[in-house]
Amino acid sequence: MLEWLKDNSPRLFIRKVLLDCGAVQADALTVDRLASLKMYSETAVIPRDSILATEVEWLNSIKADLVSPIINLKLPSPELLMIPF
């Protein structure tokens, strides 16, 4: 579905960007909260100004008029959306 959208939507731009580091786990069932907060701080808080500047530059370069922070795009089939394919 995503490939169909990209092929049939010339103004749709999708790119992968690390904005969420996830959780640090001590084992399969335990989240290390302090380590997770430290990793989040290093990934998103400390470099925040740089991340925002990069995003603004990219959005301006593609002349974006709509932005959606879709982490995982899940759509119904083209048939359900009544999209010809």
PDB file of N, CA and C in Angstrom:
ATOM      1  N   MET A   1       0.829  -1.192   0.000  1.00  0.00           N
ATOM      2  CA  MET A   1       0.000   0.000   0.000  1.00  0.00           C
ATOM      3  C   MET A   1       0.874   1.257   0.000  1.00  0.00           C
ATOM      4  N   LEU A   2       1.907   1.244   0.826  1.00  0.00           N
ATOM      5  CA  LEU A   2       2.771   2.415   0.908  1.00  0.00           C
ATOM      6  C   LEU A   2       3.449   2.685  -0.431  1.00  0.00           C
ATOM      7  N   GLU A   3       3.882   1.622  -1.095  1.00  0.00           N
ATOM      8  CA  GLU A   3       4.500   1.794  -2.412  1.00  0.00           C
ATOM      9  C   GLU A   3       3.512   2.397  -3.394  1.00  0.00           C
ATOM     10  N   TRP A   4       2.269   1.947  -3.358  1.00  0.00           N
ATOM     11  CA  TRP A   4       1.231   2.500  -4.245  1.00  0.00           C
ATOM     12  C   TRP A   4       1.059   3.991  -3.975  1.00  0.00           C
ATOM     13  N   LEU A   5       0.996   4.357  -2.701  1.00  0.00           N
ATOM     14  CA  LEU A   5       0.849   5.772  -2.346  1.00  0.00           C
ATOM     15  C   LEU A   5       2.019   6.591  -2.868  1.00  0.00           C
ATOM     16  N   LYS A   6       3.230   6.091  -2.670  1.00  0.00           N
ATOM     17  CA  LYS A   6       4.412   6.829  -3.121  1.00  0.00           C
ATOM     18  C   LYS A   6       4.433   6.957  -4.648  1.00  0.00           C
ATOM     19  N   ASP A   7       4.022   5.901  -5.344  1.00  0.00           N
ATOM     20  CA  ASP A   7       4.031   5.917  -6.806  1.00  0.00           C
ATOM     21  C   ASP A   7       2.933   6.806  -7.394  1.00  0.00           C
ATOM     22  N   ASN A   8       1.843   6.976  -6.676  1.00  0.00           N
ATOM     23  CA  ASN A   8       0.693   7.700  -7.211  1.00  0.00           C
ATOM     24  C   ASN A   8       0.438   9.040  -6.532  1.00  0.00           C
ATOM     25  N   SER A   9       1.353   9.466  -5.713  1.00  0.00           N
ATOM     26  CA  SER A   9       1.204  10.741  -5.010  1.00  0.00           C
ATOM     27  C   SER A   9       2.502  11.530  -5.144  1.00  0.00           C
ATOM     28  N   PRO A  10       2.645  12.291  -6.210  1.00  0.00           N
ATOM     29  CA  PRO A  10       3.914  12.984  -6.436  1.00  0.00           C
ATOM     30  C   PRO A  10       4.273  13.993  -5.337  1.00  0.00           C
ATOM     31  N   ARG A  11       3.301  14.435  -4.559  1.00  0.00           N
ATOM     32  CA  ARG A  11       3.590  15.395  -3.493  1.00  0.00           C
ATOM     33  C   ARG A  11       3.749  14.724  -2.127  1.00  0.00           C
ATOM     34  N   LEU A  12       3.771  13.384  -2.093  1.00  0.00           N
ATOM     35  CA  LEU A  12       3.957  12.656  -0.848  1.00  0.00           C
ATOM     36  C   LEU A  12       5.435  12.345  -0.670  1.00  0.00           C
ATOM     37  N   PHE A  13       6.001  12.831   0.408  1.00  0.00           N
ATOM     38  CA  PHE A  13       7.404  12.598   0.720  1.00  0.00           C
ATOM     39  C   PHE A  13       7.478  11.858   2.050  1.00  0.00           C
ATOM     40  N   ILE A  14       8.148  10.745   2.048  1.00  0.00           N
ATOM     41  CA  ILE A  14       8.310   9.958   3.265  1.00  0.00           C
ATOM     42  C   ILE A  14       9.797   9.709   3.455  1.00  0.00           C
ATOM     43  N   ARG A  15      10.248   9.939   4.667  1.00  0.00           N
ATOM     44  CA  ARG A  15      11.651   9.656   4.949  1.00  0.00           C
ATOM     45  C   ARG A  15      11.768   9.148   6.375  1.00  0.00           C
ATOM     46  N   LYS A  16      12.773   8.364   6.615  1.00  0.00           N
ATOM     47  CA  LYS A  16      13.002   7.821   7.949  1.00  0.00           C
ATOM     48  C   LYS A  16      13.926   8.758   8.715  1.00  0.00           C
ATOM     49  N   VAL A  17      13.491   9.101   9.914  1.00  0.00           N
ATOM     50  CA  VAL A  17      14.279   9.976  10.778  1.00  0.00           C
ATOM     51  C   VAL A  17      14.205   9.416  12.197  1.00  0.00           C
ATOM     52  N   LEU A  18      15.322   9.353  12.869  1.00  0.00           N
ATOM     53  CA  LEU A  18      15.333   8.888  14.252  1.00  0.00           C
ATOM     54  C   LEU A  18      14.866  10.014  15.163  1.00  0.00           C
ATOM     55  N   LEU A  19      13.659   9.873  15.688  1.00  0.00           N
ATOM     56  CA  LEU A  19      13.125  10.864  16.622  1.00  0.00           C
ATOM     57  C   LEU A  19      12.757  10.236  17.961  1.00  0.00           C
ATOM     58  N   ASP A  20      12.757   8.922  18.001  1.00  0.00           N
ATOM     59  CA  ASP A  20      12.403   8.211  19.216  1.00  0.00           C
ATOM     60  C   ASP A  20      13.407   7.085  19.396  1.00  0.00           C
ATOM     61  N   CYS A  21      14.066   7.066  20.518  1.00  0.00           N
ATOM     62  CA  CYS A  21      15.099   6.059  20.747  1.00  0.00           C
ATOM     63  C   CYS A  21      14.551   4.779  21.335  1.00  0.00           C
ATOM     64  N   GLY A  22      13.292   4.773  21.735  1.00  0.00           N
ATOM     65  CA  GLY A  22      12.729   3.574  22.347  1.00  0.00           C
ATOM     66  C   GLY A  22      13.125   3.473  23.806  1.00  0.00           C
ATOM     67  N   ALA A  23      13.039   2.278  24.329  1.00  0.00           N
ATOM     68  CA  ALA A  23      13.353   2.046  25.743  1.00  0.00           C
ATOM     69  C   ALA A  23      14.581   1.163  25.870  1.00  0.00           C
ATOM     70  N   VAL A  24      15.341   1.418  26.915  1.00  0.00           N
ATOM     71  CA  VAL A  24      16.474   0.558  27.246  1.00  0.00           C
ATOM     72  C   VAL A  24      15.941  -0.507  28.204  1.00  0.00           C
ATOM     73  N   GLN A  25      16.192  -1.752  27.854  1.00  0.00           N
ATOM     74  CA  GLN A  25      15.693  -2.836  28.687  1.00  0.00           C
ATOM     75  C   GLN A  25      16.836  -3.563  29.381  1.00  0.00           C
ATOM     76  N   ALA A  26      16.656  -3.782  30.669  1.00  0.00           N
ATOM     77  CA  ALA A  26      17.640  -4.543  31.443  1.00  0.00           C
ATOM     78  C   ALA A  26      17.555  -6.023  31.077  1.00  0.00           C
ATOM     79  N   ASP A  27      16.353  -6.473  30.761  1.00  0.00           N
ATOM     80  CA  ASP A  27      16.131  -7.838  30.286  1.00  0.00           C
ATOM     81  C   ASP A  27      14.842  -7.813  29.473  1.00  0.00           C
ATOM     82  N   ALA A  28      14.331  -8.947  29.074  1.00  0.00           N
ATOM     83  CA  ALA A  28      13.166  -9.016  28.190  1.00  0.00           C
ATOM     84  C   ALA A  28      11.901  -8.418  28.809  1.00  0.00           C
ATOM     85  N   LEU A  29      11.850  -8.293  30.113  1.00  0.00           N
ATOM     86  CA  LEU A  29      10.632  -7.819  30.776  1.00  0.00           C
ATOM     87  C   LEU A  29      10.793  -6.523  31.560  1.00  0.00           C
ATOM     88  N   THR A  30      12.017  -6.027  31.672  1.00  0.00           N
ATOM     89  CA  THR A  30      12.264  -4.875  32.544  1.00  0.00           C
ATOM     90  C   THR A  30      12.831  -3.700  31.762  1.00  0.00           C
ATOM     91  N   VAL A  31      12.158  -2.549  31.890  1.00  0.00           N
ATOM     92  CA  VAL A  31      12.645  -1.320  31.268  1.00  0.00           C
ATOM     93  C   VAL A  31      13.502  -0.580  32.289  1.00  0.00           C
ATOM     94  N   ASP A  32      14.691  -0.195  31.860  1.00  0.00           N
ATOM     95  CA  ASP A  32      15.583   0.606  32.705  1.00  0.00           C
ATOM     96  C   ASP A  32      15.194   2.062  32.483  1.00  0.00           C
ATOM     97  N   ARG A  33      14.398   2.602  33.396  1.00  0.00           N
ATOM     98  CA  ARG A  33      13.845   3.949  33.215  1.00  0.00           C
ATOM     99  C   ARG A  33      14.910   5.034  33.150  1.00  0.00           C
ATOM    100  N   LEU A  34      15.874   4.982  34.026  1.00  0.00           N
ATOM    101  CA  LEU A  34      16.913   6.025  34.023  1.00  0.00           C
ATOM    102  C   LEU A  34      17.746   5.963  32.744  1.00  0.00           C
ATOM    103  N   ALA A  35      18.137   4.773  32.333  1.00  0.00           N
ATOM    104  CA  ALA A  35      18.913   4.638  31.091  1.00  0.00           C
ATOM    105  C   ALA A  35      18.073   5.067  29.887  1.00  0.00           C
ATOM    106  N   SER A  36      16.773   4.766  29.904  1.00  0.00           N
ATOM    107  CA  SER A  36      15.890   5.180  28.811  1.00  0.00           C
ATOM    108  C   SER A  36      15.790   6.701  28.739  1.00  0.00           C
ATOM    109  N   LEU A  37      15.654   7.351  29.886  1.00  0.00           N
ATOM    110  CA  LEU A  37      15.593   8.818  29.908  1.00  0.00           C
ATOM    111  C   LEU A  37      16.912   9.427  29.447  1.00  0.00           C
ATOM    112  N   LYS A  38      18.020   8.818  29.842  1.00  0.00           N
ATOM    113  CA  LYS A  38      19.330   9.312  29.401  1.00  0.00           C
ATOM    114  C   LYS A  38      19.466   9.194  27.885  1.00  0.00           C
ATOM    115  N   MET A  39      19.064   8.042  27.337  1.00  0.00           N
ATOM    116  CA  MET A  39      19.158   7.853  25.889  1.00  0.00           C
ATOM    117  C   MET A  39      18.239   8.838  25.158  1.00  0.00           C
ATOM    118  N   TYR A  40      17.026   9.047  25.679  1.00  0.00           N
ATOM    119  CA  TYR A  40      16.107  10.010  25.069  1.00  0.00           C
ATOM    120  C   TYR A  40      16.712  11.411  25.083  1.00  0.00           C
ATOM    121  N   SER A  41      17.306  11.780  26.200  1.00  0.00           N
ATOM    122  CA  SER A  41      17.932  13.096  26.298  1.00  0.00           C
ATOM    123  C   SER A  41      19.044  13.255  25.263  1.00  0.00           C
ATOM    124  N   GLU A  42      19.866  12.217  25.115  1.00  0.00           N
ATOM    125  CA  GLU A  42      20.968  12.267  24.151  1.00  0.00           C
ATOM    126  C   GLU A  42      20.469  12.248  22.702  1.00  0.00           C
ATOM    127  N   THR A  43      19.345  11.573  22.452  1.00  0.00           N
ATOM    128  CA  THR A  43      18.818  11.427  21.094  1.00  0.00           C
ATOM    129  C   THR A  43      17.977  12.620  20.653  1.00  0.00           C
ATOM    130  N   ALA A  44      17.159  13.164  21.549  1.00  0.00           N
ATOM    131  CA  ALA A  44      16.190  14.171  21.134  1.00  0.00           C
ATOM    132  C   ALA A  44      16.247  15.499  21.881  1.00  0.00           C
ATOM    133  N   VAL A  45      16.632  15.493  23.137  1.00  0.00           N
ATOM    134  CA  VAL A  45      16.583  16.733  23.918  1.00  0.00           C
ATOM    135  C   VAL A  45      17.818  17.601  23.668  1.00  0.00           C
ATOM    136  N   ILE A  46      18.997  17.030  23.834  1.00  0.00           N
ATOM    137  CA  ILE A  46      20.231  17.806  23.663  1.00  0.00           C
ATOM    138  C   ILE A  46      20.368  18.336  22.231  1.00  0.00           C
ATOM    139  N   PRO A  47      20.144  17.490  21.194  1.00  0.00           N
ATOM    140  CA  PRO A  47      20.278  17.994  19.817  1.00  0.00           C
ATOM    141  C   PRO A  47      18.987  18.615  19.256  1.00  0.00           C
ATOM    142  N   ARG A  48      18.062  19.025  20.131  1.00  0.00           N
ATOM    143  CA  ARG A  48      16.753  19.526  19.685  1.00  0.00           C
ATOM    144  C   ARG A  48      16.866  20.652  18.662  1.00  0.00           C
ATOM    145  N   ASP A  49      17.681  21.649  18.924  1.00  0.00           N
ATOM    146  CA  ASP A  49      17.805  22.777  17.997  1.00  0.00           C
ATOM    147  C   ASP A  49      18.293  22.330  16.627  1.00  0.00           C
ATOM    148  N   SER A  50      19.242  21.425  16.611  1.00  0.00           N
ATOM    149  CA  SER A  50      19.762  20.903  15.354  1.00  0.00           C
ATOM    150  C   SER A  50      18.696  20.085  14.611  1.00  0.00           C
ATOM    151  N   ILE A  51      17.961  19.265  15.346  1.00  0.00           N
ATOM    152  CA  ILE A  51      16.887  18.464  14.742  1.00  0.00           C
ATOM    153  C   ILE A  51      15.841  19.383  14.117  1.00  0.00           C
ATOM    154  N   LEU A  52      15.414  20.393  14.857  1.00  0.00           N
ATOM    155  CA  LEU A  52      14.397  21.322  14.345  1.00  0.00           C
ATOM    156  C   LEU A  52      14.904  22.084  13.122  1.00  0.00           C
ATOM    157  N   ALA A  53      16.138  22.535  13.147  1.00  0.00           N
ATOM    158  CA  ALA A  53      16.704  23.260  12.012  1.00  0.00           C
ATOM    159  C   ALA A  53      16.747  22.366  10.766  1.00  0.00           C
ATOM    160  N   THR A  54      17.139  21.117  10.949  1.00  0.00           N
ATOM    161  CA  THR A  54      17.181  20.170   9.836  1.00  0.00           C
ATOM    162  C   THR A  54      15.788  19.935   9.272  1.00  0.00           C
ATOM    163  N   GLU A  55      14.796  19.765  10.150  1.00  0.00           N
ATOM    164  CA  GLU A  55      13.421  19.541   9.699  1.00  0.00           C
ATOM    165  C   GLU A  55      12.874  20.751   8.950  1.00  0.00           C
ATOM    166  N   VAL A  56      13.115  21.944   9.471  1.00  0.00           N
ATOM    167  CA  VAL A  56      12.649  23.163   8.805  1.00  0.00           C
ATOM    168  C   VAL A  56      13.275  23.285   7.423  1.00  0.00           C
ATOM    169  N   GLU A  57      14.561  23.028   7.337  1.00  0.00           N
ATOM    170  CA  GLU A  57      15.259  23.107   6.047  1.00  0.00           C
ATOM    171  C   GLU A  57      14.670  22.103   5.056  1.00  0.00           C
ATOM    172  N   TRP A  58      14.448  20.875   5.487  1.00  0.00           N
ATOM    173  CA  TRP A  58      13.901  19.853   4.595  1.00  0.00           C
ATOM    174  C   TRP A  58      12.477  20.193   4.181  1.00  0.00           C
ATOM    175  N   LEU A  59      11.641  20.602   5.126  1.00  0.00           N
ATOM    176  CA  LEU A  59      10.247  20.950   4.802  1.00  0.00           C
ATOM    177  C   LEU A  59      10.187  22.120   3.822  1.00  0.00           C
ATOM    178  N   ASN A  60      11.049  23.098   3.999  1.00  0.00           N
ATOM    179  CA  ASN A  60      11.100  24.215   3.047  1.00  0.00           C
ATOM    180  C   ASN A  60      11.580  23.748   1.680  1.00  0.00           C
ATOM    181  N   SER A  61      12.524  22.813   1.654  1.00  0.00           N
ATOM    182  CA  SER A  61      13.072  22.359   0.377  1.00  0.00           C
ATOM    183  C   SER A  61      12.038  21.597  -0.460  1.00  0.00           C
ATOM    184  N   ILE A  62      11.084  20.924   0.193  1.00  0.00           N
ATOM    185  CA  ILE A  62      10.058  20.194  -0.550  1.00  0.00           C
ATOM    186  C   ILE A  62       8.765  21.002  -0.674  1.00  0.00           C
ATOM    187  N   LYS A  63       8.792  22.242  -0.163  1.00  0.00           N
ATOM    188  CA  LYS A  63       7.621  23.123  -0.187  1.00  0.00           C
ATOM    189  C   LYS A  63       6.396  22.447   0.445  1.00  0.00           C
ATOM    190  N   ALA A  64       6.602  21.906   1.636  1.00  0.00           N
ATOM    191  CA  ALA A  64       5.545  21.185   2.349  1.00  0.00           C
ATOM    192  C   ALA A  64       4.408  22.126   2.730  1.00  0.00           C
ATOM    193  N   ASP A  65       3.187  21.652   2.511  1.00  0.00           N
ATOM    194  CA  ASP A  65       2.032  22.429   2.968  1.00  0.00           C
ATOM    195  C   ASP A  65       1.198  21.635   3.969  1.00  0.00           C
ATOM    196  N   LEU A  66       1.599  20.402   4.242  1.00  0.00           N
ATOM    197  CA  LEU A  66       0.942  19.567   5.243  1.00  0.00           C
ATOM    198  C   LEU A  66       1.996  18.621   5.804  1.00  0.00           C
ATOM    199  N   VAL A  67       2.022  18.502   7.124  1.00  0.00           N
ATOM    200  CA  VAL A  67       2.999  17.624   7.775  1.00  0.00           C
ATOM    201  C   VAL A  67       2.240  16.696   8.705  1.00  0.00           C
ATOM    202  N   SER A  68       2.588  15.418   8.658  1.00  0.00           N
ATOM    203  CA  SER A  68       1.964  14.441   9.542  1.00  0.00           C
ATOM    204  C   SER A  68       3.042  13.557  10.142  1.00  0.00           C
ATOM    205  N   PRO A  69       3.094  13.490  11.457  1.00  0.00           N
ATOM    206  CA  PRO A  69       4.116  12.652  12.096  1.00  0.00           C
ATOM    207  C   PRO A  69       3.673  11.208  12.183  1.00  0.00           C
ATOM    208  N   ILE A  70       3.584  10.558  11.035  1.00  0.00           N
ATOM    209  CA  ILE A  70       3.141   9.166  11.006  1.00  0.00           C
ATOM    210  C   ILE A  70       4.336   8.284  11.312  1.00  0.00           C
ATOM    211  N   ILE A  71       4.231   7.571  12.407  1.00  0.00           N
ATOM    212  CA  ILE A  71       5.309   6.670  12.785  1.00  0.00           C
ATOM    213  C   ILE A  71       5.185   5.361  12.018  1.00  0.00           C
ATOM    214  N   ASN A  72       3.995   4.819  12.009  1.00  0.00           N
ATOM    215  CA  ASN A  72       3.766   3.557  11.325  1.00  0.00           C
ATOM    216  C   ASN A  72       2.474   3.692  10.526  1.00  0.00           C
ATOM    217  N   LEU A  73       2.600   3.849   9.234  1.00  0.00           N
ATOM    218  CA  LEU A  73       1.450   4.076   8.373  1.00  0.00           C
ATOM    219  C   LEU A  73       0.734   2.765   8.106  1.00  0.00           C
ATOM    220  N   LYS A  74      -0.467   2.645   8.634  1.00  0.00           N
ATOM    221  CA  LYS A  74      -1.276   1.449   8.402  1.00  0.00           C
ATOM    222  C   LYS A  74      -2.584   1.902   7.749  1.00  0.00           C
ATOM    223  N   LEU A  75      -2.796   1.438   6.541  1.00  0.00           N
ATOM    224  CA  LEU A  75      -3.995   1.815   5.806  1.00  0.00           C
ATOM    225  C   LEU A  75      -4.720   0.566   5.345  1.00  0.00           C
ATOM    226  N   PRO A  76      -6.033   0.695   5.147  1.00  0.00           N
ATOM    227  CA  PRO A  76      -6.755  -0.442   4.579  1.00  0.00           C
ATOM    228  C   PRO A  76      -6.356  -0.654   3.125  1.00  0.00           C
ATOM    229  N   SER A  77      -6.807  -1.728   2.568  1.00  0.00           N
ATOM    230  CA  SER A  77      -6.463  -2.056   1.190  1.00  0.00           C
ATOM    231  C   SER A  77      -7.019  -1.015   0.228  1.00  0.00           C
ATOM    232  N   PRO A  78      -6.447  -0.896  -0.977  1.00  0.00           N
ATOM    233  CA  PRO A  78      -6.958   0.061  -1.964  1.00  0.00           C
ATOM    234  C   PRO A  78      -8.434  -0.164  -2.275  1.00  0.00           C
ATOM    235  N   GLU A  79      -8.869  -1.427  -2.235  1.00  0.00           N
ATOM    236  CA  GLU A  79     -10.282  -1.715  -2.504  1.00  0.00           C
ATOM    237  C   GLU A  79     -11.184  -1.029  -1.484  1.00  0.00           C
ATOM    238  N   LEU A  80     -10.815  -1.106  -0.215  1.00  0.00           N
ATOM    239  CA  LEU A  80     -11.626  -0.487   0.838  1.00  0.00           C
ATOM    240  C   LEU A  80     -11.600   1.033   0.724  1.00  0.00           C
ATOM    241  N   LEU A  81     -10.500   1.576   0.266  1.00  0.00           N
ATOM    242  CA  LEU A  81     -10.402   3.037   0.097  1.00  0.00           C
ATOM    243  C   LEU A  81     -11.006   3.497  -1.220  1.00  0.00           C
ATOM    244  N   MET A  82     -11.420   2.523  -2.060  1.00  0.00           N
ATOM    245  CA  MET A  82     -11.991   2.799  -3.371  1.00  0.00           C
ATOM    246  C   MET A  82     -10.988   3.526  -4.263  1.00  0.00           C
ATOM    247  N   ILE A  83      -9.742   3.108  -4.183  1.00  0.00           N
ATOM    248  CA  ILE A  83      -8.667   3.674  -4.997  1.00  0.00           C
ATOM    249  C   ILE A  83      -8.425   2.727  -6.163  1.00  0.00           C
ATOM    250  N   PRO A  84      -8.448   3.223  -7.380  1.00  0.00           N
ATOM    251  CA  PRO A  84      -8.148   2.335  -8.514  1.00  0.00           C
ATOM    252  C   PRO A  84      -6.681   1.911  -8.486  1.00  0.00           C
ATOM    253  N   PHE A  85      -6.421   0.683  -8.821  1.00  0.00           N
ATOM    254  CA  PHE A  85      -5.033   0.210  -8.852  1.00  0.00           C
ATOM    255  C   PHE A  85      -4.830  -0.747  -9.996  1.00  0.00           C
TER     256      PHE A  85
END
